[in-house]
Amino acid sequence: MATKPSRFDMVHKPSSFPPSTAEQTTSTTPALSSSEIAQMMARVQRQIAEKKRSIQTEAASATDNSNEKQMDSSESSIDSKARIAQLRAQIQARFSNSMGAIKSNDDANNDRTGLNHNKTMRPTPLILNAEGRTVDQTGKEVQLIQRMPTLKANIRAQKKEQFIKVNHEKQSSLSSTEQKFIDTRLESKAPVRARKTFRFHDKGTFESIGNKIRTKAQLELLQKDIAQKAKRTGISAAARLALLNSIVPKKQAKEDEIPSVEWWDSFIMKDSCYEECIQNTQPSQEKYDGITQLIEHPIQMKPPHEPSKPQFLPVFLTKKEQKKLRRQNRREAWKEKQEKIRLGLEPPPEPKLKISNMMRVLGQQAVQDPTKMEAHVREQMMRRQKAHEEANASRKLTSEQKKQKKIRKIKEDTNTGVNVVVYRILDLNNPAKKFKVEANMKQLLMTGVVVIYKNVNVIVAEGGPKQQKKFKRLMLHRIKWSDDVVTHGDSNEPDSSNDSNLKRKQENKCLLVWEGSVKNRAFGEVKFKNSPNESFAREIFKNHGVEHYWDLAYSMSILDSAET
């Protein structure tokens, strides 16, 4: 009886290498079953696992030996460290080679058994020496290729980092050199840039400049025309008069110096001074230059205070005329609206319903459902009320607009001229009255100055005619200056029985010194200034070119004291 062959007879001897092709061709063994193939694979995998364990134990023992040698020779030289690193690299290379062989055997077995597994590509293991540098299997250092960025963004980022690094190094070097010359005792403050603000021009500034330039050009053309006509007619004086406008009087070297000949007389006189002209007995034609028997008409020039634009008087209507005009305007608007409705441009308005006319307008609808119609009427009334309030709110001015309107009503145009009024007050020591003067001048947007000196307290107010009218009423009527009593005389004299040293009591009062108009303002915002003596007070006015204001007020005070 034939026995069944065992599995050991059907398979080859265990080996790590697959059978050759010759053996496969000569073998007449029957085909293997799936269970036998699985058993064979399991056996091969166990052999591979045992081989791996043996290799790992060898590597571990080798590394242990190297560690023991390194511990024993801790004070050895750099050559011994390099030898250990080389040995470790050889062991690691040997381990990687053995692993590659096992992997190849495994792949060959898989191919032999007909099992197709996807081969995974793994990178070559990285080998590092004791110094942390990359080495190959032989222990030689490998120079890795540095990968440069190709994207523009990465290149810019790299350049930026390099620039920041170089700049930081430069700054550190500069700061180290500058610190040698810095005095640490001084406080260094960072530079602060002055904040720029908007500077708005007033309305009409450039228009007035343009008008002045055009007027000057026209005047030059007119002078040239007059000079040409004078040459044709033979009138030499007319040509000189045409050039008279360009002559500017020279400023006096000293205040009290009197010139020998005034500039307007030097244009006509041939002599060097007035005395020579009086003593000269020649006829007037030889004595003076430019005087003839002809009548010469001067050039008509525009007054400086006359406005550039014509001003028209406003027309004020009576109450009856205002009502009539409003009635006509409303009727025209109503006719225009009716025409648009007739043409179909606007929808006809719904009837204006009220509780009083609800029954008359709605009629049968109000009888059938009065509650509903009443609610509809009240809703329409509320809509009309709301629309009326919204229209009022839209026309209402904001706080800033109210402020601008108030300033616009008070402020006046002083381009053509400024009205100036000078007051003198005997005593201005009362703080309440000083506050009233200052507050009213600021509220009326006026400019000027208040100089306080004994009984010559001068107030100069600059502004428009309306502003001056209100301020004059305040100074001369509203403020009760007579409530304060002014005391004259010297109270420090020991002999008070003498009549000359007796104190004289007088009521305080405000006097109008002078009022008129000037071309430009001389002062800015209102300020109070105390003066110890009259020369100091006159100096305040002289700095602004209006010392004659003080002279008038002071001369009035001298006259008043002389009368008393």
Protein backbone atom coordinates (compact mmCIF):
# COMPACT_ATOMS: atom_id res chain seq x y z
CA MET A 1 0.00 0.00 0.00
CA ALA A 2 1.48 3.23 -1.09
CA THR A 3 1.82 5.89 1.57
CA LYS A 4 0.99 9.50 1.01
CA PRO A 5 4.11 11.63 0.68
CA SER A 6 4.72 14.06 3.50
CA ARG A 7 4.99 17.79 3.13
CA PHE A 8 8.73 17.61 3.76
CA ASP A 9 9.10 15.40 0.69
CA MET A 10 7.20 17.84 -1.49
CA VAL A 11 9.08 20.97 -0.50
CA HIS A 12 12.77 21.65 -0.75
CA LYS A 13 15.11 21.89 2.14
CA PRO A 14 14.74 25.07 4.17
CA SER A 15 16.96 27.74 2.74
CA SER A 16 17.04 31.50 2.58
CA PHE A 17 17.35 31.37 -1.20
CA PRO A 18 14.55 30.38 -3.59
CA PRO A 19 15.00 27.26 -5.81
CA SER A 20 16.62 27.72 -9.15
CA THR A 21 14.77 27.63 -12.44
CA ALA A 22 16.39 24.33 -13.37
CA GLU A 23 15.03 22.67 -10.32
CA GLN A 24 11.62 24.17 -10.95
CA THR A 25 11.57 22.79 -14.45
CA THR A 26 12.84 19.33 -13.53
CA SER A 27 10.54 19.02 -10.53
CA THR A 28 7.58 16.84 -11.19
CA THR A 29 5.81 17.59 -7.93
CA PRO A 30 2.14 18.23 -8.19
CA ALA A 31 0.63 21.73 -7.67
CA LEU A 32 0.43 22.93 -4.07
CA SER A 33 -2.80 23.70 -2.33
CA SER A 34 -3.60 27.07 -0.72
CA SER A 35 -3.19 25.73 2.82
CA GLU A 36 0.23 24.34 2.02
CA ILE A 37 1.29 27.62 0.47
CA ALA A 38 0.17 29.51 3.61
CA GLN A 39 2.12 27.14 5.87
CA MET A 40 5.22 27.54 3.71
CA MET A 41 4.92 31.36 3.87
CA ALA A 42 4.56 31.30 7.63
CA ARG A 43 7.67 29.16 7.92
CA VAL A 44 9.67 31.53 5.71
CA GLN A 45 8.50 34.55 7.70
CA ARG A 46 9.59 32.86 10.96
CA GLN A 47 13.04 32.26 9.47
CA ILE A 48 13.25 35.93 8.42
CA ALA A 49 12.20 37.09 11.90
CA GLU A 50 14.85 34.84 13.53
CA LYS A 51 17.48 36.23 11.14
CA LYS A 52 16.46 39.82 12.05
CA ARG A 53 16.67 39.09 15.76
CA SER A 54 20.13 37.60 15.40
CA ILE A 55 21.36 40.60 13.46
CA GLN A 56 19.85 43.05 16.00
CA THR A 57 21.48 41.20 18.89
CA GLU A 58 24.82 41.42 17.07
CA ALA A 59 24.34 45.13 16.50
CA ALA A 60 23.28 45.71 20.11
CA SER A 61 26.28 43.79 21.41
CA ALA A 62 28.54 45.78 19.11
CA THR A 63 27.06 49.08 20.28
CA ASP A 64 27.33 47.95 23.94
CA ASN A 65 30.97 47.12 23.38
CA SER A 66 31.56 50.49 21.77
CA ASN A 67 29.77 52.25 24.66
CA GLU A 68 31.86 50.36 27.20
CA LYS A 69 34.98 51.30 25.32
CA GLN A 70 33.87 54.93 25.19
CA MET A 71 33.19 54.96 28.96
CA ASP A 72 36.54 53.37 29.67
CA SER A 73 38.39 55.78 27.44
CA SER A 74 36.56 59.02 28.33
CA GLU A 75 39.83 60.93 28.24
CA SER A 76 41.00 59.44 24.95
CA SER A 77 42.02 61.51 21.96
CA ILE A 78 39.95 62.69 18.96
CA ASP A 79 41.20 59.70 16.86
CA SER A 80 39.53 57.16 19.13
CA LYS A 81 36.20 59.08 18.82
CA ALA A 82 36.48 59.04 15.06
CA ARG A 83 37.25 55.27 15.13
CA ILE A 84 34.12 54.63 17.23
CA ALA A 85 32.00 56.73 14.89
CA GLN A 86 33.43 54.84 11.88
CA LEU A 87 32.73 51.49 13.53
CA ARG A 88 29.18 52.55 14.30
CA ALA A 89 28.70 53.66 10.68
CA GLN A 90 30.01 50.27 9.43
CA ILE A 91 27.66 48.40 11.75
CA GLN A 92 24.75 50.51 10.63
CA ALA A 93 25.68 49.97 6.96
CA ARG A 94 25.98 46.24 7.56
CA PHE A 95 22.62 46.22 9.24
CA SER A 96 21.04 48.12 6.37
CA ASN A 97 22.61 45.68 3.83
CA SER A 98 21.28 42.68 5.73
CA MET A 99 17.87 44.26 5.92
CA GLY A 100 18.00 44.87 2.16
CA ALA A 101 18.89 41.20 1.55
CA ILE A 102 16.04 40.04 3.72
CA LYS A 103 13.70 42.33 1.91
CA SER A 104 14.87 41.02 -1.47
CA ASN A 105 14.40 37.37 -0.29
CA ASP A 106 10.93 38.28 0.93
CA ASP A 107 10.07 39.82 -2.43
CA ALA A 108 11.44 36.79 -4.27
CA ASN A 109 9.32 34.45 -2.13
CA ASN A 110 6.28 36.57 -2.79
CA ASP A 111 6.94 36.37 -6.51
CA ARG A 112 7.45 32.62 -6.29
CA THR A 113 4.18 32.02 -4.52
CA GLY A 114 2.32 34.24 -6.96
CA LEU A 115 1.49 36.99 -4.45
CA ASN A 116 1.94 40.52 -5.90
CA HIS A 117 2.71 43.11 -3.25
CA ASN A 118 3.35 46.78 -4.00
CA LYS A 119 6.97 47.65 -3.37
CA THR A 120 7.27 50.73 -1.23
CA MET A 121 10.26 52.92 -2.02
CA ARG A 122 12.00 54.05 1.14
CA PRO A 123 14.74 56.72 1.35
CA THR A 124 18.31 55.77 2.19
CA PRO A 125 18.84 56.00 5.96
CA LEU A 126 20.73 59.08 7.12
CA ILE A 127 24.05 58.38 8.90
CA LEU A 128 25.46 60.95 11.33
CA ASN A 129 28.82 60.88 13.09
CA ALA A 130 29.65 62.03 16.64
CA GLU A 131 30.03 65.64 15.50
CA GLY A 132 26.57 65.64 13.89
CA ARG A 133 27.81 65.66 10.28
CA THR A 134 26.41 63.46 7.47
CA VAL A 135 28.65 60.50 6.43
CA ASP A 136 28.34 57.66 3.93
CA GLN A 137 28.80 53.89 4.53
CA THR A 138 32.58 54.20 4.55
CA GLY A 139 32.54 57.02 7.12
CA LYS A 140 33.45 59.84 4.70
CA GLU A 141 31.65 63.17 5.14
CA VAL A 142 28.98 63.91 2.56
CA GLN A 143 28.31 67.49 1.42
CA LEU A 144 24.53 67.91 1.05
CA ILE A 145 23.25 70.01 -1.82
CA GLN A 146 21.64 73.22 -0.54
CA ARG A 147 18.31 73.78 -2.18
CA MET A 148 17.73 77.38 -3.31
CA PRO A 149 14.20 78.84 -3.41
CA THR A 150 12.68 79.33 -6.84
CA LEU A 151 9.48 81.23 -6.00
CA LYS A 152 9.69 85.02 -6.13
CA ALA A 153 8.00 85.32 -2.74
CA ASN A 154 10.59 83.03 -1.09
CA ILE A 155 13.46 84.88 -2.80
CA ARG A 156 12.14 88.25 -1.59
CA ALA A 157 11.71 86.88 1.94
CA GLN A 158 15.30 85.57 1.93
CA LYS A 159 16.65 88.91 0.67
CA LYS A 160 14.62 90.75 3.31
CA GLU A 161 16.08 88.60 6.09
CA GLN A 162 19.60 89.22 4.80
CA PHE A 163 18.97 92.98 4.57
CA ILE A 164 17.55 93.12 8.13
CA LYS A 165 20.54 91.18 9.42
CA VAL A 166 23.08 93.46 7.68
CA ASN A 167 21.20 96.62 8.74
CA HIS A 168 21.05 95.42 12.35
CA GLU A 169 24.78 94.81 12.34
CA LYS A 170 25.41 98.31 10.93
CA GLN A 171 23.16 99.93 13.52
CA SER A 172 24.82 98.04 16.34
CA SER A 173 28.25 99.16 15.11
CA LEU A 174 27.09 102.79 14.73
CA SER A 175 25.45 102.83 18.16
CA SER A 176 28.62 101.45 19.73
CA THR A 177 30.68 104.24 18.11
CA GLU A 178 28.14 106.97 18.94
CA GLN A 179 27.92 105.97 22.59
CA LYS A 180 31.51 107.04 23.02
CA PHE A 181 30.57 110.70 22.40
CA ILE A 182 27.23 110.81 24.29
CA ASP A 183 27.05 112.56 27.62
CA THR A 184 24.85 110.39 29.84
CA ARG A 185 24.13 113.29 32.17
CA LEU A 186 22.04 115.05 29.51
CA GLU A 187 18.44 114.01 28.82
CA SER A 188 17.93 113.14 25.18
CA LYS A 189 14.45 113.64 23.76
CA ALA A 190 13.23 112.14 20.52
CA PRO A 191 12.57 114.66 17.72
CA VAL A 192 8.92 115.59 17.44
CA ARG A 193 7.48 116.63 14.11
CA ALA A 194 5.23 119.66 14.27
CA ARG A 195 1.68 118.78 13.34
CA LYS A 196 0.51 120.43 10.14
CA THR A 197 -2.88 122.09 10.22
CA PHE A 198 -5.17 123.31 7.51
CA ARG A 199 -5.01 127.00 6.72
CA PHE A 200 -8.19 128.13 5.02
CA HIS A 201 -8.45 131.41 3.14
CA ASP A 202 -11.41 133.71 3.66
CA LYS A 203 -13.97 133.96 0.93
CA GLY A 204 -13.03 136.61 -1.64
CA THR A 205 -9.34 136.81 -0.68
CA PHE A 206 -7.99 135.90 -4.10
CA GLU A 207 -10.72 137.87 -5.85
CA SER A 208 -9.61 141.06 -4.09
CA ILE A 209 -5.96 140.33 -4.94
CA GLY A 210 -6.88 139.82 -8.58
CA ASN A 211 -8.89 143.05 -8.62
CA LYS A 212 -5.93 144.96 -7.20
CA ILE A 213 -3.57 143.53 -9.83
CA ARG A 214 -6.01 144.38 -12.63
CA THR A 215 -6.50 147.90 -11.27
CA LYS A 216 -2.74 148.42 -11.09
CA ALA A 217 -2.32 147.22 -14.68
CA GLN A 218 -5.09 149.55 -15.87
CA LEU A 219 -3.48 152.46 -14.00
CA GLU A 220 -0.14 151.79 -15.68
CA LEU A 221 -1.78 151.71 -19.10
CA LEU A 222 -3.58 154.96 -18.30
CA GLN A 223 -0.34 156.64 -17.22
CA LYS A 224 1.38 155.56 -20.42
CA ASP A 225 -1.53 156.87 -22.47
CA ILE A 226 -1.44 160.24 -20.68
CA ALA A 227 2.34 160.47 -21.14
CA GLN A 228 2.03 159.83 -24.88
CA LYS A 229 -0.74 162.41 -25.27
CA ALA A 230 1.31 164.93 -23.27
CA LYS A 231 4.26 164.46 -25.60
CA ARG A 232 2.04 165.03 -28.62
CA THR A 233 0.44 168.20 -27.20
CA GLY A 234 3.66 169.48 -25.64
CA ILE A 235 2.35 169.54 -22.07
CA SER A 236 5.30 168.39 -20.00
CA ALA A 237 3.57 168.92 -16.66
CA ALA A 238 0.83 166.43 -17.56
CA ALA A 239 3.44 163.74 -18.12
CA ARG A 240 4.93 164.51 -14.71
CA LEU A 241 1.56 164.39 -13.05
CA ALA A 242 0.99 160.96 -14.62
CA LEU A 243 4.14 159.75 -12.87
CA LEU A 244 3.18 161.40 -9.59
CA ASN A 245 1.36 158.25 -8.43
CA SER A 246 4.58 156.23 -8.47
CA ILE A 247 6.37 158.67 -6.15
CA VAL A 248 6.45 157.35 -2.60
CA PRO A 249 7.30 159.71 0.25
CA LYS A 250 10.56 158.87 1.96
CA LYS A 251 10.36 158.05 5.61
CA GLN A 252 11.86 160.65 7.94
CA ALA A 253 15.13 159.72 9.54
CA LYS A 254 13.97 161.08 12.90
CA GLU A 255 10.53 161.66 14.30
CA ASP A 256 10.86 165.42 15.00
CA GLU A 257 13.07 166.24 12.00
CA ILE A 258 11.51 168.76 9.54
CA PRO A 259 12.71 168.42 5.91
CA SER A 260 14.02 171.46 4.06
CA VAL A 261 11.60 170.79 1.17
CA GLU A 262 8.59 168.49 1.24
CA TRP A 263 8.51 165.78 -1.38
CA TRP A 264 5.40 167.18 -3.10
CA ASP A 265 7.02 170.65 -3.37
CA SER A 266 10.35 169.30 -4.56
CA PHE A 267 8.55 168.02 -7.65
CA ILE A 268 7.77 171.63 -8.72
CA MET A 269 10.40 173.80 -7.00
CA LYS A 270 13.80 174.33 -8.56
CA ASP A 271 15.38 175.73 -5.38
CA SER A 272 16.84 173.51 -2.67
CA CYS A 273 14.87 175.06 0.23
CA TYR A 274 11.92 177.33 0.94
CA GLU A 275 14.08 180.34 1.94
CA GLU A 276 15.88 180.37 -1.39
CA CYS A 277 12.53 180.14 -3.19
CA ILE A 278 11.17 183.15 -1.23
CA GLN A 279 14.28 185.23 -1.88
CA ASN A 280 14.28 184.34 -5.58
CA THR A 281 12.87 187.28 -7.56
CA GLN A 282 12.59 185.53 -10.93
CA PRO A 283 9.21 185.18 -12.62
CA SER A 284 7.10 182.18 -11.75
CA GLN A 285 7.64 180.49 -15.12
CA GLU A 286 11.40 180.29 -14.40
CA LYS A 287 11.04 179.88 -10.68
CA TYR A 288 8.75 176.81 -10.82
CA ASP A 289 8.84 173.82 -13.10
CA GLY A 290 5.68 172.60 -14.84
CA ILE A 291 3.42 175.61 -14.15
CA THR A 292 1.73 176.93 -17.29
CA GLN A 293 -1.43 178.84 -18.20
CA LEU A 294 -3.18 175.64 -19.25
CA ILE A 295 -5.74 173.96 -16.98
CA GLU A 296 -4.70 170.43 -16.05
CA HIS A 297 -7.31 168.02 -14.78
CA PRO A 298 -5.98 165.34 -12.36
CA ILE A 299 -6.68 161.66 -12.88
CA GLN A 300 -9.90 160.55 -11.23
CA MET A 301 -9.07 157.80 -8.74
CA LYS A 302 -11.42 155.54 -6.83
CA PRO A 303 -11.80 156.35 -3.09
CA PRO A 304 -10.12 153.72 -0.88
CA HIS A 305 -13.19 153.20 1.32
CA GLU A 306 -15.63 152.72 -1.53
CA PRO A 307 -16.71 149.05 -1.88
CA SER A 308 -15.59 147.14 -4.97
CA LYS A 309 -19.11 145.82 -5.67
CA PRO A 310 -22.19 148.06 -5.86
CA GLN A 311 -24.39 147.83 -2.77
CA PHE A 312 -28.15 148.03 -3.21
CA LEU A 313 -30.56 149.06 -0.51
CA PRO A 314 -32.86 146.21 0.53
CA VAL A 315 -36.55 146.59 -0.25
CA PHE A 316 -38.82 146.08 2.76
CA LEU A 317 -42.44 145.08 2.10
CA THR A 318 -45.40 145.86 4.30
CA LYS A 319 -47.43 143.12 5.96
CA LYS A 320 -50.17 143.49 3.35
CA GLU A 321 -47.70 143.24 0.47
CA GLN A 322 -46.02 140.18 2.04
CA LYS A 323 -49.39 138.37 2.34
CA LYS A 324 -50.32 139.24 -1.22
CA LEU A 325 -46.98 137.98 -2.57
CA ARG A 326 -47.26 134.74 -0.57
CA ARG A 327 -50.82 134.19 -1.82
CA GLN A 328 -49.74 134.64 -5.43
CA ASN A 329 -46.82 132.24 -5.06
CA ARG A 330 -49.00 129.56 -3.49
CA ARG A 331 -51.61 129.91 -6.24
CA GLU A 332 -48.95 129.50 -8.94
CA ALA A 333 -47.61 126.35 -7.25
CA TRP A 334 -51.17 124.94 -6.93
CA LYS A 335 -51.89 125.58 -10.64
CA GLU A 336 -48.65 123.83 -11.63
CA LYS A 337 -49.52 120.80 -9.50
CA GLN A 338 -53.04 120.59 -10.98
CA GLU A 339 -51.59 120.70 -14.50
CA LYS A 340 -49.24 117.79 -13.71
CA ILE A 341 -52.14 115.74 -12.30
CA ARG A 342 -54.23 116.49 -15.41
CA LEU A 343 -51.39 115.31 -17.69
CA GLY A 344 -50.86 112.14 -15.60
CA LEU A 345 -47.39 113.05 -14.39
CA GLU A 346 -48.44 112.84 -10.73
CA PRO A 347 -51.12 110.73 -9.01
CA PRO A 348 -54.06 112.68 -7.59
CA PRO A 349 -53.76 113.21 -3.82
CA GLU A 350 -56.11 111.31 -1.54
CA PRO A 351 -58.80 113.40 0.19
CA LYS A 352 -57.71 115.16 3.38
CA LEU A 353 -59.78 113.35 6.00
CA LYS A 354 -60.54 114.66 9.48
CA ILE A 355 -62.95 113.58 12.18
CA SER A 356 -65.11 116.62 11.42
CA ASN A 357 -65.52 115.88 7.68
CA MET A 358 -65.41 112.06 7.84
CA MET A 359 -69.17 111.54 7.36
CA ARG A 360 -69.37 114.07 4.54
CA VAL A 361 -66.36 112.73 2.57
CA LEU A 362 -66.79 108.98 3.07
CA GLY A 363 -70.60 108.93 3.15
CA GLN A 364 -71.98 105.38 2.90
CA GLN A 365 -68.68 103.74 3.92
CA ALA A 366 -68.71 105.65 7.21
CA VAL A 367 -72.30 104.53 7.87
CA GLN A 368 -71.59 100.86 7.13
CA ASP A 369 -68.43 100.54 9.25
CA PRO A 370 -67.83 103.71 11.27
CA THR A 371 -65.17 102.14 13.54
CA LYS A 372 -62.97 101.08 10.63
CA MET A 373 -63.35 104.45 8.90
CA GLU A 374 -62.50 106.33 12.10
CA ALA A 375 -59.30 104.28 12.50
CA HIS A 376 -58.41 105.02 8.86
CA VAL A 377 -58.99 108.76 9.37
CA ARG A 378 -56.91 108.85 12.56
CA GLU A 379 -54.07 106.97 10.83
CA GLN A 380 -54.10 109.52 7.98
CA MET A 381 -54.02 112.37 10.52
CA MET A 382 -51.03 110.78 12.26
CA ARG A 383 -49.18 110.42 8.94
CA ARG A 384 -49.76 114.11 8.17
CA GLN A 385 -48.55 115.11 11.63
CA LYS A 386 -45.44 112.91 11.33
CA ALA A 387 -44.59 114.30 7.86
CA HIS A 388 -44.96 117.84 9.21
CA GLU A 389 -42.62 117.15 12.15
CA GLU A 390 -40.03 115.46 9.88
CA ALA A 391 -40.06 118.46 7.54
CA ASN A 392 -39.48 120.79 10.50
CA ALA A 393 -36.68 118.55 11.81
CA SER A 394 -34.97 118.50 8.38
CA ARG A 395 -35.02 122.32 8.25
CA LYS A 396 -33.75 122.65 11.81
CA LEU A 397 -30.15 123.87 12.08
CA THR A 398 -27.50 121.92 13.93
CA SER A 399 -25.58 123.42 16.85
CA GLU A 400 -22.59 124.17 14.58
CA GLN A 401 -24.84 125.81 11.97
CA LYS A 402 -26.51 127.91 14.68
CA LYS A 403 -23.09 129.05 15.89
CA GLN A 404 -21.99 129.97 12.37
CA LYS A 405 -25.26 131.84 11.75
CA LYS A 406 -24.84 133.83 14.96
CA ILE A 407 -21.24 134.73 14.04
CA ARG A 408 -22.33 135.66 10.52
CA LYS A 409 -25.00 138.00 11.88
CA ILE A 410 -22.59 139.70 14.30
CA LYS A 411 -19.43 139.78 12.18
CA GLU A 412 -19.20 142.55 9.59
CA ASP A 413 -17.09 142.99 6.50
CA THR A 414 -14.27 145.44 7.23
CA ASN A 415 -12.35 145.11 3.95
CA THR A 416 -13.33 148.61 2.81
CA GLY A 417 -12.69 150.24 6.21
CA VAL A 418 -12.72 149.76 9.98
CA ASN A 419 -14.69 151.93 12.40
CA VAL A 420 -12.67 152.94 15.48
CA VAL A 421 -13.97 154.52 18.69
CA VAL A 422 -11.72 155.69 21.57
CA TYR A 423 -13.18 156.02 25.09
CA ARG A 424 -11.66 157.41 28.29
CA ILE A 425 -12.86 156.28 31.71
CA LEU A 426 -11.84 157.99 34.95
CA ASP A 427 -11.73 154.80 37.02
CA LEU A 428 -11.71 151.19 35.76
CA ASN A 429 -10.85 149.30 38.94
CA ASN A 430 -14.31 147.75 39.38
CA PRO A 431 -13.92 144.07 38.29
CA ALA A 432 -17.60 143.73 37.35
CA LYS A 433 -17.43 146.63 34.89
CA LYS A 434 -14.11 145.38 33.49
CA PHE A 435 -15.71 142.00 32.86
CA LYS A 436 -18.68 143.61 31.09
CA VAL A 437 -16.38 145.56 28.77
CA GLU A 438 -14.24 142.52 27.93
CA ALA A 439 -17.17 140.10 27.50
CA ASN A 440 -19.13 142.44 25.22
CA MET A 441 -16.11 143.13 23.00
CA LYS A 442 -15.52 139.40 22.61
CA GLN A 443 -19.19 138.64 21.97
CA LEU A 444 -19.36 141.35 19.30
CA LEU A 445 -16.13 139.97 17.73
CA MET A 446 -14.35 143.32 18.08
CA THR A 447 -10.64 144.00 18.37
CA GLY A 448 -8.82 146.60 20.44
CA VAL A 449 -6.95 147.28 23.68
CA VAL A 450 -7.65 148.55 27.21
CA VAL A 451 -4.82 150.57 28.85
CA ILE A 452 -5.24 151.29 32.58
CA TYR A 453 -3.41 154.29 34.06
CA LYS A 454 -4.76 156.39 36.97
CA ASN A 455 -7.62 158.53 35.63
CA VAL A 456 -6.67 157.98 31.95
CA ASN A 457 -8.12 154.53 31.24
CA VAL A 458 -8.25 154.31 27.45
CA ILE A 459 -10.44 151.79 25.60
CA VAL A 460 -9.94 151.39 21.84
CA ALA A 461 -12.66 149.40 20.05
CA GLU A 462 -12.36 148.37 16.36
CA GLY A 463 -15.20 146.85 14.32
CA GLY A 464 -18.07 147.49 11.94
CA PRO A 465 -20.79 150.16 12.25
CA LYS A 466 -23.39 147.81 13.79
CA GLN A 467 -20.89 146.51 16.33
CA GLN A 468 -19.85 150.05 17.26
CA LYS A 469 -23.49 151.09 17.68
CA LYS A 470 -24.15 148.31 20.20
CA PHE A 471 -20.87 148.83 22.04
CA LYS A 472 -21.37 152.61 22.21
CA ARG A 473 -24.77 152.10 23.84
CA LEU A 474 -23.15 149.78 26.37
CA MET A 475 -20.36 152.23 27.24
CA LEU A 476 -22.37 155.47 27.36
CA HIS A 477 -25.81 154.34 28.61
CA ARG A 478 -26.11 150.78 29.89
CA ILE A 479 -23.15 150.67 32.31
CA LYS A 480 -23.75 152.92 35.33
CA TRP A 481 -20.31 154.46 35.74
CA SER A 482 -21.66 157.03 38.20
CA ASP A 483 -22.08 154.35 40.88
CA ASP A 484 -18.31 154.48 41.50
CA VAL A 485 -16.69 157.49 43.17
CA VAL A 486 -13.28 158.68 41.97
CA THR A 487 -10.96 160.20 44.58
CA HIS A 488 -8.33 162.75 43.45
CA GLY A 489 -5.38 163.99 45.49
CA ASP A 490 -2.44 162.47 47.32
CA SER A 491 -3.43 160.63 50.47
CA ASN A 492 0.18 159.97 51.53
CA GLU A 493 0.86 163.60 52.46
CA PRO A 494 1.23 164.02 56.24
CA ASP A 495 -0.36 167.47 56.36
CA SER A 496 -3.93 166.74 55.36
CA SER A 497 -5.19 170.11 56.62
CA ASN A 498 -3.69 171.90 53.62
CA ASP A 499 -6.34 172.63 50.95
CA SER A 500 -4.02 171.66 48.11
CA ASN A 501 -3.64 168.16 49.51
CA LEU A 502 -7.31 167.61 50.29
CA LYS A 503 -8.91 164.72 48.44
CA ARG A 504 -11.46 165.65 45.83
CA LYS A 505 -14.29 163.25 45.16
CA GLN A 506 -15.80 163.02 41.71
CA GLU A 507 -18.28 160.72 40.01
CA ASN A 508 -16.85 158.19 37.59
CA LYS A 509 -17.84 158.65 33.94
CA CYS A 510 -17.04 157.45 30.42
CA LEU A 511 -16.05 160.03 27.78
CA LEU A 512 -16.02 159.62 24.02
CA VAL A 513 -12.57 160.81 22.86
CA TRP A 514 -12.68 160.13 19.12
CA GLU A 515 -14.50 158.07 16.53
CA GLY A 516 -13.74 157.59 12.86
CA SER A 517 -12.72 155.07 10.21
CA VAL A 518 -9.32 153.70 9.26
CA LYS A 519 -8.14 151.37 6.50
CA ASN A 520 -6.85 148.44 8.58
CA ARG A 521 -7.08 147.14 12.13
CA ALA A 522 -4.23 148.08 14.46
CA PHE A 523 -4.90 145.58 17.28
CA GLY A 524 -5.79 141.93 17.64
CA GLU A 525 -7.76 140.22 20.40
CA VAL A 526 -8.82 142.44 23.30
CA LYS A 527 -6.20 142.63 26.08
CA PHE A 528 -5.94 144.61 29.34
CA LYS A 529 -2.59 146.28 30.02
CA ASN A 530 -1.55 148.13 33.19
CA SER A 531 0.95 150.97 32.76
CA PRO A 532 3.00 152.50 35.64
CA ASN A 533 3.50 155.84 33.85
CA GLU A 534 2.30 157.76 30.80
CA SER A 535 5.44 157.07 28.75
CA PHE A 536 4.91 153.32 29.09
CA ALA A 537 1.24 153.70 28.07
CA ARG A 538 2.20 155.77 25.02
CA GLU A 539 4.76 153.13 24.07
CA ILE A 540 1.99 150.52 23.93
CA PHE A 541 0.10 152.56 21.33
CA LYS A 542 3.28 153.51 19.49
CA ASN A 543 4.16 149.85 18.93
CA HIS A 544 0.93 149.57 16.91
CA GLY A 545 1.38 152.91 15.12
CA VAL A 546 -1.55 154.68 16.81
CA GLU A 547 0.13 156.78 19.53
CA HIS A 548 -2.22 159.68 18.65
CA TYR A 549 -5.06 157.81 20.40
CA TRP A 550 -3.18 158.17 23.68
CA ASP A 551 -2.23 161.78 22.96
CA LEU A 552 -5.90 162.74 22.50
CA ALA A 553 -7.05 160.99 25.67
CA TYR A 554 -4.16 162.29 27.78
CA SER A 555 -4.62 165.88 26.56
CA MET A 556 -8.32 165.68 27.49
CA SER A 557 -7.39 164.54 31.00
CA ILE A 558 -4.96 167.48 31.37
CA LEU A 559 -7.64 169.96 30.25
CA ASP A 560 -10.18 168.45 32.66
CA SER A 561 -7.74 168.68 35.58
CA ALA A 562 -6.94 172.30 34.64
CA GLU A 563 -10.64 173.23 34.64
CA THR A 564 -11.24 171.65 38.03
